[in-house]
Amino acid sequence: MMLKTDRLPELSQIDVFKSPCFVFDMHSREKKNLITRYRGTVCRKLPAGFEIVSWQKSMYRFGGLYREVPITLHVTLDDKACISSLGIDEESCGSQGKSCDFACLERSLRDKLINRPFTEFSQIYKDAGTTGCLHVFEILSGASAFFAVLRDSGSNDGAEQELVKISPDAGGLSAENIHEVLGKTSVTKIDLRHNALPTFGKKGLPESMDAHLSVSFNGKTVSESDIKADDFPGCYSQLNRAYTRAYHAEKKFFGLSGKQRFSNLPSLVGLTVLALSHEGMSGRLLRAAKLENILIFLQTGEGREGCIGFRKGLNMNQQYMLKAAIGAALGCAALALGVALKRRVRL
C-alpha cells in the first residue's frame, strides 16, 4: 500500500497493531515540500492491559536529495498501565542511519521503564539527552501524554495523528499542520513573506529577519505580525511567540490543558528555522553536514553534543563528504589532464 502525504490516512482502514508498515509506506510525493513530518499514536484495550503503537516519520529534501527517517514503537501495558514490554520496529531508521543503535537503545529503555507507569515517562526521562535519542523521546513522550488524555476522558481506545508540511518559495515559506485527535481535526496554516532576504551567520542560522508572518487556526487568524530581528535569538523568539498562539488555540479546540507533548506545533519553529537555513545555503556538497550541525544546535542547545549515534553519524557524513570532494577534485584533474594530452597529440 502506497500512502501519500497530501492528507492524513484513514487509520480505521489500517490494521495498525498487526503491522505498522503503513508508516514506512508513507512517502512525500510533493516536491515543493522541503520538510514533511507524519506522527501519531493508537491505543487499544486488551483483555489484560493495553497495547500502543506510536510513530514519527520525517521526510526531507535537503540539497536536492530525498531522505526518510521513520521510527515506530510498540508498547504493551498491564492493567495498572505499567509498561510490560517495549520494542522499536526493525524497519525503523534514525537520523544517522546505521549509526543509530536501536537494539542498544531498546535495552536501555527497558532497564529503566519496565514495570513503571507509562504516564510517568516524561518524569522518568527529564529530557531527550537522558534517553540517548531525541526522536524516541519525542515519540514516547507523545504516546504517554495521549494515553493519559485518553484515560482521563474515560476511554480505553483511541487515536491521534498529525501531518506537518513546510514549503519554501522565492518570497518566503508556507507551512501546514493537520492534527486529528479522537475524531476531531484541526488545521494550522503559516505564511511567512520576506520584506528583505534574511542574513545568516557562520553556523548557518538566521541572524536577521524582516518579514510578515500570518498564522491561522481552523481558518481564523490567531497571529498577524511583522518580524524584525537583528540576531538569532530575536528571530527565534518572535517566530515562537506567533506559533505558541496556534498551539494554545489547538489545545482549547481539543479541550486540553497544560503541556501536551503529542503536538508538533511547539517544534514548528525549529523546523521553520531549518527550512530558512537550508534556503540560505549555497552549493550542495557540504550542505547536509551543515544542516546536521544546525539540527544538533536546535535539538540540544549551545555547547552540547547530540546523542552518540548522532555524533558518530555526523563524523561519518563529514568523512563521506570529504572523500566525495577529493574524488570530485581528482576527477576534474584527470579530465583536465586528458584534455591537455589530446591537445598536445593534435599539435
C-alpha atoms as a PDB file:
ATOM      1  CA  MET A   1       0.000   0.000   0.000  1.00  0.00           C
ATOM      2  CA  MET A   2       1.394   3.377  -1.048  1.00  0.00           C
ATOM      3  CA  LEU A   3       0.350   6.343   1.084  1.00  0.00           C
ATOM      4  CA  LYS A   4       0.849   9.960   0.070  1.00  0.00           C
ATOM      5  CA  THR A   5       1.288  12.990   2.270  1.00  0.00           C
ATOM      6  CA  ASP A   6      -1.489  15.073   0.720  1.00  0.00           C
ATOM      7  CA  ARG A   7      -3.755  14.099   3.629  1.00  0.00           C
ATOM      8  CA  LEU A   8      -3.926  12.012   6.796  1.00  0.00           C
ATOM      9  CA  PRO A   9      -4.673   8.305   6.182  1.00  0.00           C
ATOM     10  CA  GLU A  10      -7.858   6.704   7.489  1.00  0.00           C
ATOM     11  CA  LEU A  11      -6.464   4.689  10.403  1.00  0.00           C
ATOM     12  CA  SER A  12      -9.684   2.695  10.850  1.00  0.00           C
ATOM     13  CA  GLN A  13      -8.941   1.043   7.499  1.00  0.00           C
ATOM     14  CA  ILE A  14      -5.421   0.024   8.527  1.00  0.00           C
ATOM     15  CA  ASP A  15      -4.511  -2.861  10.839  1.00  0.00           C
ATOM     16  CA  VAL A  16      -2.096  -0.708  12.829  1.00  0.00           C
ATOM     17  CA  PHE A  17      -1.379  -3.293  15.535  1.00  0.00           C
ATOM     18  CA  LYS A  18      -0.796  -6.250  13.233  1.00  0.00           C
ATOM     19  CA  SER A  19       1.700  -4.416  11.073  1.00  0.00           C
ATOM     20  CA  PRO A  20       2.762  -0.771  11.384  1.00  0.00           C
ATOM     21  CA  CYS A  21       4.187  -0.924   7.844  1.00  0.00           C
ATOM     22  CA  PHE A  22       1.827   1.887   6.805  1.00  0.00           C
ATOM     23  CA  VAL A  23       4.318   4.275   8.443  1.00  0.00           C
ATOM     24  CA  PHE A  24       7.097   3.018   6.196  1.00  0.00           C
ATOM     25  CA  ASP A  25       4.783   3.178   3.165  1.00  0.00           C
ATOM     26  CA  MET A  26       4.052   6.878   3.721  1.00  0.00           C
ATOM     27  CA  HIS A  27       6.061   8.910   1.207  1.00  0.00           C
ATOM     28  CA  SER A  28       6.232  12.579   0.270  1.00  0.00           C
ATOM     29  CA  ARG A  29       5.354  12.957  -3.409  1.00  0.00           C
ATOM     30  CA  GLU A  30       5.042  16.739  -3.368  1.00  0.00           C
ATOM     31  CA  LYS A  31       8.449  18.043  -4.418  1.00  0.00           C
ATOM     32  CA  LYS A  32       7.610  21.558  -3.240  1.00  0.00           C
ATOM     33  CA  ASN A  33       7.647  20.297   0.371  1.00  0.00           C
ATOM     34  CA  LEU A  34      11.144  20.657   1.794  1.00  0.00           C
ATOM     35  CA  ILE A  35      10.146  19.119   5.141  1.00  0.00           C
ATOM     36  CA  THR A  36       7.281  16.700   5.824  1.00  0.00           C
ATOM     37  CA  ARG A  37       6.610  15.031   9.167  1.00  0.00           C
ATOM     38  CA  TYR A  38       3.973  12.410   9.953  1.00  0.00           C
ATOM     39  CA  ARG A  39       3.423  11.187  13.504  1.00  0.00           C
ATOM     40  CA  GLY A  40       0.731   9.630  15.652  1.00  0.00           C
ATOM     41  CA  THR A  41      -0.369   7.199  18.366  1.00  0.00           C
ATOM     42  CA  VAL A  42      -3.026   4.477  18.501  1.00  0.00           C
ATOM     43  CA  CYS A  43      -4.147   2.823  21.763  1.00  0.00           C
ATOM     44  CA  ARG A  44      -6.462  -0.102  22.464  1.00  0.00           C
ATOM     45  CA  LYS A  45      -7.601  -2.137  25.463  1.00  0.00           C
ATOM     46  CA  LEU A  46      -6.531  -5.763  25.695  1.00  0.00           C
ATOM     47  CA  PRO A  47      -8.142  -8.489  27.845  1.00  0.00           C
ATOM     48  CA  ALA A  48      -5.317  -7.814  30.277  1.00  0.00           C
ATOM     49  CA  GLY A  49      -3.773  -4.391  29.821  1.00  0.00           C
ATOM     50  CA  PHE A  50      -3.279  -2.061  26.868  1.00  0.00           C
ATOM     51  CA  GLU A  51      -1.455  -2.003  23.544  1.00  0.00           C
ATOM     52  CA  ILE A  52       0.058   1.123  21.990  1.00  0.00           C
ATOM     53  CA  VAL A  53       1.691   1.812  18.633  1.00  0.00           C
ATOM     54  CA  SER A  54       3.336   5.202  18.179  1.00  0.00           C
ATOM     55  CA  TRP A  55       5.396   6.597  15.330  1.00  0.00           C
ATOM     56  CA  GLN A  56       7.126   9.544  13.736  1.00  0.00           C
ATOM     57  CA  LYS A  57       8.438   9.820  10.197  1.00  0.00           C
ATOM     58  CA  SER A  58      10.334  12.836   8.906  1.00  0.00           C
ATOM     59  CA  MET A  59      10.834  13.292   5.165  1.00  0.00           C
ATOM     60  CA  TYR A  60      13.403  15.810   3.911  1.00  0.00           C
ATOM     61  CA  ARG A  61      14.536  17.200   0.577  1.00  0.00           C
ATOM     62  CA  PHE A  62      17.843  18.722   1.609  1.00  0.00           C
ATOM     63  CA  GLY A  63      20.334  19.712  -1.054  1.00  0.00           C
ATOM     64  CA  GLY A  64      18.153  18.128  -3.725  1.00  0.00           C
ATOM     65  CA  LEU A  65      18.268  14.708  -2.018  1.00  0.00           C
ATOM     66  CA  TYR A  66      15.171  12.936  -0.644  1.00  0.00           C
ATOM     67  CA  ARG A  67      15.573  11.234   2.727  1.00  0.00           C
ATOM     68  CA  GLU A  68      13.214   9.482   5.151  1.00  0.00           C
ATOM     69  CA  VAL A  69      13.612   8.945   8.901  1.00  0.00           C
ATOM     70  CA  PRO A  70      10.840   6.583  10.126  1.00  0.00           C
ATOM     71  CA  ILE A  71      10.652   5.242  13.685  1.00  0.00           C
ATOM     72  CA  THR A  72       7.808   3.107  15.066  1.00  0.00           C
ATOM     73  CA  LEU A  73       7.478   1.869  18.652  1.00  0.00           C
ATOM     74  CA  HIS A  74       5.255  -0.837  20.129  1.00  0.00           C
ATOM     75  CA  VAL A  75       4.396  -0.739  23.843  1.00  0.00           C
ATOM     76  CA  THR A  76       2.238  -3.031  25.974  1.00  0.00           C
ATOM     77  CA  LEU A  77       0.951  -2.131  29.432  1.00  0.00           C
ATOM     78  CA  ASP A  78      -0.533  -4.191  32.252  1.00  0.00           C
ATOM     79  CA  ASP A  79      -3.918  -3.491  33.875  1.00  0.00           C
ATOM     80  CA  LYS A  80      -2.335  -0.788  36.040  1.00  0.00           C
ATOM     81  CA  ALA A  81      -0.931   0.929  32.920  1.00  0.00           C
ATOM     82  CA  CYS A  82       2.643  -0.030  33.820  1.00  0.00           C
ATOM     83  CA  ILE A  83       4.985  -0.897  30.952  1.00  0.00           C
ATOM     84  CA  SER A  84       5.341  -4.640  30.405  1.00  0.00           C
ATOM     85  CA  SER A  85       7.134  -4.574  27.042  1.00  0.00           C
ATOM     86  CA  LEU A  86       8.675  -2.050  24.666  1.00  0.00           C
ATOM     87  CA  GLY A  87      10.101  -2.529  21.200  1.00  0.00           C
ATOM     88  CA  ILE A  88      11.356  -0.482  18.245  1.00  0.00           C
ATOM     89  CA  ASP A  89      10.269  -1.781  14.837  1.00  0.00           C
ATOM     90  CA  GLU A  90      13.190  -3.340  12.977  1.00  0.00           C
ATOM     91  CA  GLU A  91      12.414  -1.290   9.861  1.00  0.00           C
ATOM     92  CA  SER A  92      12.984   1.931  11.793  1.00  0.00           C
ATOM     93  CA  CYS A  93      15.797   4.204  10.669  1.00  0.00           C
ATOM     94  CA  GLY A  94      17.235   7.010  12.777  1.00  0.00           C
ATOM     95  CA  SER A  95      18.564  10.302  11.516  1.00  0.00           C
ATOM     96  CA  GLN A  96      22.046   8.774  11.285  1.00  0.00           C
ATOM     97  CA  GLY A  97      21.083   5.508   9.607  1.00  0.00           C
ATOM     98  CA  LYS A  98      23.106   2.521  10.783  1.00  0.00           C
ATOM     99  CA  SER A  99      24.861   4.683  13.374  1.00  0.00           C
ATOM    100  CA  CYS A 100      21.632   4.683  15.406  1.00  0.00           C
ATOM    101  CA  ASP A 101      21.874   1.525  17.513  1.00  0.00           C
ATOM    102  CA  PHE A 102      18.222   0.773  18.296  1.00  0.00           C
ATOM    103  CA  ALA A 103      18.999  -2.599  19.885  1.00  0.00           C
ATOM    104  CA  CYS A 104      21.183  -0.848  22.462  1.00  0.00           C
ATOM    105  CA  LEU A 105      18.552   1.853  22.938  1.00  0.00           C
ATOM    106  CA  GLU A 106      15.822  -0.756  23.483  1.00  0.00           C
ATOM    107  CA  ARG A 107      17.831  -2.410  26.256  1.00  0.00           C
ATOM    108  CA  SER A 108      18.486   0.933  27.919  1.00  0.00           C
ATOM    109  CA  LEU A 109      14.811   1.909  27.791  1.00  0.00           C
ATOM    110  CA  ARG A 110      13.631  -1.454  29.103  1.00  0.00           C
ATOM    111  CA  ASP A 111      16.057  -1.350  32.019  1.00  0.00           C
ATOM    112  CA  LYS A 112      14.577   1.944  33.151  1.00  0.00           C
ATOM    113  CA  LEU A 113      10.938   1.658  32.062  1.00  0.00           C
ATOM    114  CA  ILE A 114       9.682  -1.900  32.559  1.00  0.00           C
ATOM    115  CA  ASN A 115       7.110  -2.018  35.398  1.00  0.00           C
ATOM    116  CA  ARG A 116       6.992   1.783  35.557  1.00  0.00           C
ATOM    117  CA  PRO A 117       3.752   3.758  34.933  1.00  0.00           C
ATOM    118  CA  PHE A 118       3.620   4.763  31.270  1.00  0.00           C
ATOM    119  CA  THR A 119       2.092   8.145  32.098  1.00  0.00           C
ATOM    120  CA  GLU A 120       5.249   8.998  34.061  1.00  0.00           C
ATOM    121  CA  PHE A 121       7.568   8.653  31.068  1.00  0.00           C
ATOM    122  CA  SER A 122       8.434  12.347  30.871  1.00  0.00           C
ATOM    123  CA  GLN A 123       9.201  12.432  34.603  1.00  0.00           C
ATOM    124  CA  ILE A 124      11.413   9.358  34.335  1.00  0.00           C
ATOM    125  CA  TYR A 125      13.304  10.885  31.401  1.00  0.00           C
ATOM    126  CA  LYS A 126      13.549  14.585  32.140  1.00  0.00           C
ATOM    127  CA  ASP A 127      14.824  15.472  28.669  1.00  0.00           C
ATOM    128  CA  ALA A 128      15.849  13.920  25.388  1.00  0.00           C
ATOM    129  CA  GLY A 129      19.506  13.735  26.398  1.00  0.00           C
ATOM    130  CA  THR A 130      18.884  11.108  29.057  1.00  0.00           C
ATOM    131  CA  THR A 131      17.184   8.734  26.612  1.00  0.00           C
ATOM    132  CA  GLY A 132      20.105   8.911  24.204  1.00  0.00           C
ATOM    133  CA  CYS A 133      17.769   9.639  21.265  1.00  0.00           C
ATOM    134  CA  LEU A 134      15.704  12.758  20.632  1.00  0.00           C
ATOM    135  CA  HIS A 135      13.284  11.041  18.242  1.00  0.00           C
ATOM    136  CA  VAL A 136      12.437   8.131  20.540  1.00  0.00           C
ATOM    137  CA  PHE A 137      11.988  10.615  23.394  1.00  0.00           C
ATOM    138  CA  GLU A 138       9.539  12.642  21.272  1.00  0.00           C
ATOM    139  CA  ILE A 139       7.558   9.567  20.251  1.00  0.00           C
ATOM    140  CA  LEU A 140       7.283   8.054  23.736  1.00  0.00           C
ATOM    141  CA  SER A 141       6.531  11.440  25.318  1.00  0.00           C
ATOM    142  CA  GLY A 142       3.709  11.978  22.839  1.00  0.00           C
ATOM    143  CA  ALA A 143       2.320   8.474  23.322  1.00  0.00           C
ATOM    144  CA  SER A 144       2.485   8.791  27.112  1.00  0.00           C
ATOM    145  CA  ALA A 145       0.700  12.165  27.063  1.00  0.00           C
ATOM    146  CA  PHE A 146      -2.012  10.956  24.678  1.00  0.00           C
ATOM    147  CA  PHE A 147      -2.625   7.802  26.720  1.00  0.00           C
ATOM    148  CA  ALA A 148      -3.089   9.977  29.824  1.00  0.00           C
ATOM    149  CA  VAL A 149      -5.623  12.175  27.986  1.00  0.00           C
ATOM    150  CA  LEU A 150      -7.427   9.079  26.719  1.00  0.00           C
ATOM    151  CA  ARG A 151      -7.776   7.612  30.206  1.00  0.00           C
ATOM    152  CA  ASP A 152      -8.850  10.947  31.693  1.00  0.00           C
ATOM    153  CA  SER A 153     -11.645  11.062  29.109  1.00  0.00           C
ATOM    154  CA  GLY A 154     -12.882   7.662  30.285  1.00  0.00           C
ATOM    155  CA  SER A 155     -11.861   5.883  27.060  1.00  0.00           C
ATOM    156  CA  ASN A 156      -9.612   2.883  26.520  1.00  0.00           C
ATOM    157  CA  ASP A 157      -9.315   3.035  22.742  1.00  0.00           C
ATOM    158  CA  GLY A 158      -8.426   5.965  20.518  1.00  0.00           C
ATOM    159  CA  ALA A 159      -6.018   7.546  18.074  1.00  0.00           C
ATOM    160  CA  GLU A 160      -4.352  10.814  17.175  1.00  0.00           C
ATOM    161  CA  GLN A 161      -2.195  11.624  14.169  1.00  0.00           C
ATOM    162  CA  GLU A 162      -0.514  14.691  12.744  1.00  0.00           C
ATOM    163  CA  LEU A 163       0.973  15.850   9.452  1.00  0.00           C
ATOM    164  CA  VAL A 164       3.342  18.818   9.020  1.00  0.00           C
ATOM    165  CA  LYS A 165       4.452  20.237   5.661  1.00  0.00           C
ATOM    166  CA  ILE A 166       6.842  23.143   5.018  1.00  0.00           C
ATOM    167  CA  SER A 167       7.284  24.587   1.527  1.00  0.00           C
ATOM    168  CA  PRO A 168       9.808  27.388   0.837  1.00  0.00           C
ATOM    169  CA  ASP A 169       9.461  29.626  -2.202  1.00  0.00           C
ATOM    170  CA  ALA A 170      11.173  32.703  -3.645  1.00  0.00           C
ATOM    171  CA  GLY A 171       9.290  35.098  -1.355  1.00  0.00           C
ATOM    172  CA  GLY A 172       9.374  33.151   1.924  1.00  0.00           C
ATOM    173  CA  LEU A 173       7.692  29.929   3.001  1.00  0.00           C
ATOM    174  CA  SER A 174       4.342  28.384   3.857  1.00  0.00           C
ATOM    175  CA  ALA A 175       3.570  25.613   6.338  1.00  0.00           C
ATOM    176  CA  GLU A 176       0.561  23.490   7.225  1.00  0.00           C
ATOM    177  CA  ASN A 177      -0.106  21.403  10.321  1.00  0.00           C
ATOM    178  CA  ILE A 178      -3.061  18.977  10.265  1.00  0.00           C
ATOM    179  CA  HIS A 179      -3.840  17.314  13.600  1.00  0.00           C
ATOM    180  CA  GLU A 180      -6.545  14.733  14.233  1.00  0.00           C
ATOM    181  CA  VAL A 181      -7.356  13.834  17.848  1.00  0.00           C
ATOM    182  CA  LEU A 182     -10.138  11.357  18.717  1.00  0.00           C
ATOM    183  CA  GLY A 183     -12.036  12.139  15.530  1.00  0.00           C
ATOM    184  CA  LYS A 184     -11.688  15.942  15.611  1.00  0.00           C
ATOM    185  CA  THR A 185      -9.380  17.671  13.120  1.00  0.00           C
ATOM    186  CA  SER A 186      -7.566  21.000  13.319  1.00  0.00           C
ATOM    187  CA  VAL A 187      -5.626  22.812  10.601  1.00  0.00           C
ATOM    188  CA  THR A 188      -2.931  25.400  11.322  1.00  0.00           C
ATOM    189  CA  LYS A 189      -1.521  27.397   8.407  1.00  0.00           C
ATOM    190  CA  ILE A 190       1.549  29.624   8.388  1.00  0.00           C
ATOM    191  CA  ASP A 191       2.621  32.117   5.743  1.00  0.00           C
ATOM    192  CA  LEU A 192       5.955  33.940   6.013  1.00  0.00           C
ATOM    193  CA  ARG A 193       6.730  36.668   3.450  1.00  0.00           C
ATOM    194  CA  HIS A 194      10.152  38.326   3.338  1.00  0.00           C
ATOM    195  CA  ASN A 195      10.312  42.110   3.110  1.00  0.00           C
ATOM    196  CA  ALA A 196      14.071  41.644   2.787  1.00  0.00           C
ATOM    197  CA  LEU A 197      16.043  38.427   2.484  1.00  0.00           C
ATOM    198  CA  PRO A 198      17.288  37.105   5.852  1.00  0.00           C
ATOM    199  CA  THR A 199      21.011  37.054   6.566  1.00  0.00           C
ATOM    200  CA  PHE A 200      22.831  34.076   8.065  1.00  0.00           C
ATOM    201  CA  GLY A 201      25.805  33.657  10.382  1.00  0.00           C
ATOM    202  CA  LYS A 202      28.748  31.276  10.234  1.00  0.00           C
ATOM    203  CA  LYS A 203      26.661  28.460  11.727  1.00  0.00           C
ATOM    204  CA  GLY A 204      24.037  28.891   9.034  1.00  0.00           C
ATOM    205  CA  LEU A 205      21.386  30.205  11.432  1.00  0.00           C
ATOM    206  CA  PRO A 206      19.319  33.288  10.508  1.00  0.00           C
ATOM    207  CA  GLU A 207      20.814  36.398  12.130  1.00  0.00           C
ATOM    208  CA  SER A 208      18.432  38.994  10.750  1.00  0.00           C
ATOM    209  CA  MET A 209      14.845  38.921   9.557  1.00  0.00           C
ATOM    210  CA  ASP A 210      12.443  41.458   8.103  1.00  0.00           C
ATOM    211  CA  ALA A 211       9.237  39.619   7.236  1.00  0.00           C
ATOM    212  CA  HIS A 212       5.474  39.497   7.643  1.00  0.00           C
ATOM    213  CA  LEU A 213       4.093  36.427   9.411  1.00  0.00           C
ATOM    214  CA  SER A 214       0.493  35.249   9.338  1.00  0.00           C
ATOM    215  CA  VAL A 215      -0.728  32.277  11.416  1.00  0.00           C
ATOM    216  CA  SER A 216      -4.260  30.894  11.209  1.00  0.00           C
ATOM    217  CA  PHE A 217      -6.024  28.117  13.098  1.00  0.00           C
ATOM    218  CA  ASN A 218      -9.062  26.428  11.510  1.00  0.00           C
ATOM    219  CA  GLY A 219      -9.404  29.366   9.138  1.00  0.00           C
ATOM    220  CA  LYS A 220      -9.219  32.068  11.813  1.00  0.00           C
ATOM    221  CA  THR A 221      -6.172  34.338  12.146  1.00  0.00           C
ATOM    222  CA  VAL A 222      -4.515  33.918  15.550  1.00  0.00           C
ATOM    223  CA  SER A 223      -1.384  35.971  14.836  1.00  0.00           C
ATOM    224  CA  GLU A 224      -0.533  38.657  12.293  1.00  0.00           C
ATOM    225  CA  SER A 225       2.816  40.340  12.875  1.00  0.00           C
ATOM    226  CA  ASP A 226       5.915  41.895  11.356  1.00  0.00           C
ATOM    227  CA  ILE A 227       9.107  40.134  12.361  1.00  0.00           C
ATOM    228  CA  LYS A 228      12.069  42.461  12.662  1.00  0.00           C
ATOM    229  CA  ALA A 229      15.135  40.984  14.324  1.00  0.00           C
ATOM    230  CA  ASP A 230      18.884  41.507  14.091  1.00  0.00           C
ATOM    231  CA  ASP A 231      20.105  38.375  15.864  1.00  0.00           C
ATOM    232  CA  PHE A 232      19.173  34.686  16.042  1.00  0.00           C
ATOM    233  CA  PRO A 233      17.504  34.809  19.493  1.00  0.00           C
ATOM    234  CA  GLY A 234      15.279  37.619  18.214  1.00  0.00           C
ATOM    235  CA  CYS A 235      14.324  35.663  15.080  1.00  0.00           C
ATOM    236  CA  TYR A 236      13.582  32.527  17.077  1.00  0.00           C
ATOM    237  CA  SER A 237      11.601  34.196  19.863  1.00  0.00           C
ATOM    238  CA  GLN A 238       9.356  36.180  17.507  1.00  0.00           C
ATOM    239  CA  LEU A 239       8.546  33.082  15.456  1.00  0.00           C
ATOM    240  CA  ASN A 240       7.954  31.089  18.620  1.00  0.00           C
ATOM    241  CA  ARG A 241       5.611  33.732  20.043  1.00  0.00           C
ATOM    242  CA  ALA A 242       3.357  33.523  16.982  1.00  0.00           C
ATOM    243  CA  TYR A 243       3.381  29.712  16.837  1.00  0.00           C
ATOM    244  CA  THR A 244       2.583  29.480  20.547  1.00  0.00           C
ATOM    245  CA  ARG A 245      -0.732  31.227  19.907  1.00  0.00           C
ATOM    246  CA  ALA A 246      -1.676  28.493  17.448  1.00  0.00           C
ATOM    247  CA  TYR A 247      -0.606  25.857  19.994  1.00  0.00           C
ATOM    248  CA  HIS A 248      -2.893  27.350  22.649  1.00  0.00           C
ATOM    249  CA  ALA A 249      -5.751  27.580  20.139  1.00  0.00           C
ATOM    250  CA  GLU A 250      -5.237  23.906  19.292  1.00  0.00           C
ATOM    251  CA  LYS A 251      -5.307  22.854  22.950  1.00  0.00           C
ATOM    252  CA  LYS A 252      -8.518  24.811  23.508  1.00  0.00           C
ATOM    253  CA  PHE A 253     -10.107  23.244  20.417  1.00  0.00           C
ATOM    254  CA  PHE A 254      -9.336  19.719  21.631  1.00  0.00           C
ATOM    255  CA  GLY A 255     -10.288  20.516  25.240  1.00  0.00           C
ATOM    256  CA  LEU A 256      -6.747  20.031  26.554  1.00  0.00           C
ATOM    257  CA  SER A 257      -4.710  21.866  29.164  1.00  0.00           C
ATOM    258  CA  GLY A 258      -1.111  22.019  30.343  1.00  0.00           C
ATOM    259  CA  LYS A 259       1.887  20.957  28.283  1.00  0.00           C
ATOM    260  CA  GLN A 260       0.792  18.483  25.622  1.00  0.00           C
ATOM    261  CA  ARG A 261       3.647  16.567  24.041  1.00  0.00           C
ATOM    262  CA  PHE A 262       1.595  14.995  21.240  1.00  0.00           C
ATOM    263  CA  SER A 263       1.621  18.135  19.105  1.00  0.00           C
ATOM    264  CA  ASN A 264       4.292  19.287  16.673  1.00  0.00           C
ATOM    265  CA  LEU A 265       3.268  22.945  16.854  1.00  0.00           C
ATOM    266  CA  PRO A 266       5.938  23.690  19.519  1.00  0.00           C
ATOM    267  CA  SER A 267       8.509  22.039  17.206  1.00  0.00           C
ATOM    268  CA  LEU A 268       7.396  24.011  14.172  1.00  0.00           C
ATOM    269  CA  VAL A 269       9.627  26.976  14.988  1.00  0.00           C
ATOM    270  CA  GLY A 270      12.721  24.736  14.831  1.00  0.00           C
ATOM    271  CA  LEU A 271      11.593  23.217  11.526  1.00  0.00           C
ATOM    272  CA  THR A 272      10.967  26.724  10.162  1.00  0.00           C
ATOM    273  CA  VAL A 273      14.488  27.816  11.148  1.00  0.00           C
ATOM    274  CA  LEU A 274      15.869  24.684   9.493  1.00  0.00           C
ATOM    275  CA  ALA A 275      13.960  25.450   6.288  1.00  0.00           C
ATOM    276  CA  LEU A 276      15.167  29.069   6.279  1.00  0.00           C
ATOM    277  CA  SER A 277      18.773  27.946   6.845  1.00  0.00           C
ATOM    278  CA  HIS A 278      18.521  25.434   4.010  1.00  0.00           C
ATOM    279  CA  GLU A 279      17.274  28.092   1.612  1.00  0.00           C
ATOM    280  CA  GLY A 280      20.048  30.461   2.696  1.00  0.00           C
ATOM    281  CA  MET A 281      22.830  27.987   1.889  1.00  0.00           C
ATOM    282  CA  SER A 282      24.598  27.825  -1.444  1.00  0.00           C
ATOM    283  CA  GLY A 283      26.050  24.729  -3.061  1.00  0.00           C
ATOM    284  CA  ARG A 284      25.256  21.100  -2.301  1.00  0.00           C
ATOM    285  CA  LEU A 285      28.423  19.283  -1.302  1.00  0.00           C
ATOM    286  CA  LEU A 286      28.642  20.237   2.384  1.00  0.00           C
ATOM    287  CA  ARG A 287      25.046  21.374   2.887  1.00  0.00           C
ATOM    288  CA  ALA A 288      23.996  18.120   4.586  1.00  0.00           C
ATOM    289  CA  ALA A 289      26.797  18.335   7.173  1.00  0.00           C
ATOM    290  CA  LYS A 290      25.985  21.998   7.884  1.00  0.00           C
ATOM    291  CA  LEU A 291      22.302  21.195   8.364  1.00  0.00           C
ATOM    292  CA  GLU A 292      23.145  18.395  10.792  1.00  0.00           C
ATOM    293  CA  ASN A 293      25.154  20.860  12.879  1.00  0.00           C
ATOM    294  CA  ILE A 294      22.124  23.163  12.899  1.00  0.00           C
ATOM    295  CA  LEU A 295      19.916  20.232  13.931  1.00  0.00           C
ATOM    296  CA  ILE A 296      22.213  19.454  16.861  1.00  0.00           C
ATOM    297  CA  PHE A 297      22.058  23.091  17.971  1.00  0.00           C
ATOM    298  CA  LEU A 298      18.262  23.283  17.689  1.00  0.00           C
ATOM    299  CA  GLN A 299      17.768  19.968  19.482  1.00  0.00           C
ATOM    300  CA  THR A 300      20.297  20.300  22.293  1.00  0.00           C
ATOM    301  CA  GLY A 301      21.348  23.951  22.587  1.00  0.00           C
ATOM    302  CA  GLU A 302      24.654  25.801  22.514  1.00  0.00           C
ATOM    303  CA  GLY A 303      27.737  23.843  23.532  1.00  0.00           C
ATOM    304  CA  ARG A 304      26.003  20.457  23.846  1.00  0.00           C
ATOM    305  CA  GLU A 305      26.511  17.430  21.664  1.00  0.00           C
ATOM    306  CA  GLY A 306      23.863  15.272  20.056  1.00  0.00           C
ATOM    307  CA  CYS A 307      23.353  11.643  21.037  1.00  0.00           C
ATOM    308  CA  ILE A 308      26.112   9.096  20.417  1.00  0.00           C
ATOM    309  CA  GLY A 309      24.500   7.904  17.196  1.00  0.00           C
ATOM    310  CA  PHE A 310      24.165  11.483  16.010  1.00  0.00           C
ATOM    311  CA  ARG A 311      27.839  12.265  16.673  1.00  0.00           C
ATOM    312  CA  LYS A 312      29.064   9.080  15.008  1.00  0.00           C
ATOM    313  CA  GLY A 313      26.793   9.690  12.046  1.00  0.00           C
ATOM    314  CA  LEU A 314      27.938  13.281  11.710  1.00  0.00           C
ATOM    315  CA  ASN A 315      31.590  12.194  11.665  1.00  0.00           C
ATOM    316  CA  MET A 316      30.784   9.514   9.088  1.00  0.00           C
ATOM    317  CA  ASN A 317      28.928  12.018   6.917  1.00  0.00           C
ATOM    318  CA  GLN A 318      31.767  14.532   7.125  1.00  0.00           C
ATOM    319  CA  GLN A 319      34.261  11.830   6.150  1.00  0.00           C
ATOM    320  CA  TYR A 320      31.998  10.829   3.258  1.00  0.00           C
ATOM    321  CA  MET A 321      31.693  14.442   2.096  1.00  0.00           C
ATOM    322  CA  LEU A 322      35.475  14.879   2.317  1.00  0.00           C
ATOM    323  CA  LYS A 323      36.054  11.734   0.256  1.00  0.00           C
ATOM    324  CA  ALA A 324      33.450  12.910  -2.248  1.00  0.00           C
ATOM    325  CA  ALA A 325      35.161  16.303  -2.512  1.00  0.00           C
ATOM    326  CA  ILE A 326      38.582  14.681  -3.010  1.00  0.00           C
ATOM    327  CA  GLY A 327      37.104  12.298  -5.591  1.00  0.00           C
ATOM    328  CA  ALA A 328      35.477  15.162  -7.470  1.00  0.00           C
ATOM    329  CA  ALA A 329      38.728  17.155  -7.430  1.00  0.00           C
ATOM    330  CA  LEU A 330      40.739  14.175  -8.702  1.00  0.00           C
ATOM    331  CA  GLY A 331      38.129  13.551 -11.388  1.00  0.00           C
ATOM    332  CA  CYS A 332      38.351  17.150 -12.588  1.00  0.00           C
ATOM    333  CA  ALA A 333      42.154  16.974 -12.568  1.00  0.00           C
ATOM    334  CA  ALA A 334      42.125  13.751 -14.589  1.00  0.00           C
ATOM    335  CA  LEU A 335      39.692  15.260 -17.086  1.00  0.00           C
ATOM    336  CA  ALA A 336      41.848  18.365 -17.463  1.00  0.00           C
ATOM    337  CA  LEU A 337      44.953  16.230 -17.942  1.00  0.00           C
ATOM    338  CA  GLY A 338      43.184  14.143 -20.585  1.00  0.00           C
ATOM    339  CA  VAL A 339      42.110  17.247 -22.497  1.00  0.00           C
ATOM    340  CA  ALA A 340      45.654  18.633 -22.323  1.00  0.00           C
ATOM    341  CA  LEU A 341      47.151  15.400 -23.651  1.00  0.00           C
ATOM    342  CA  LYS A 342      44.675  15.298 -26.544  1.00  0.00           C
ATOM    343  CA  ARG A 343      45.555  18.848 -27.490  1.00  0.00           C
ATOM    344  CA  ARG A 344      49.272  18.006 -27.342  1.00  0.00           C
ATOM    345  CA  VAL A 345      48.810  14.991 -29.605  1.00  0.00           C
ATOM    346  CA  ARG A 346      46.965  17.139 -32.150  1.00  0.00           C
ATOM    347  CA  LEU A 347      49.876  19.581 -32.207  1.00  0.00           C
END
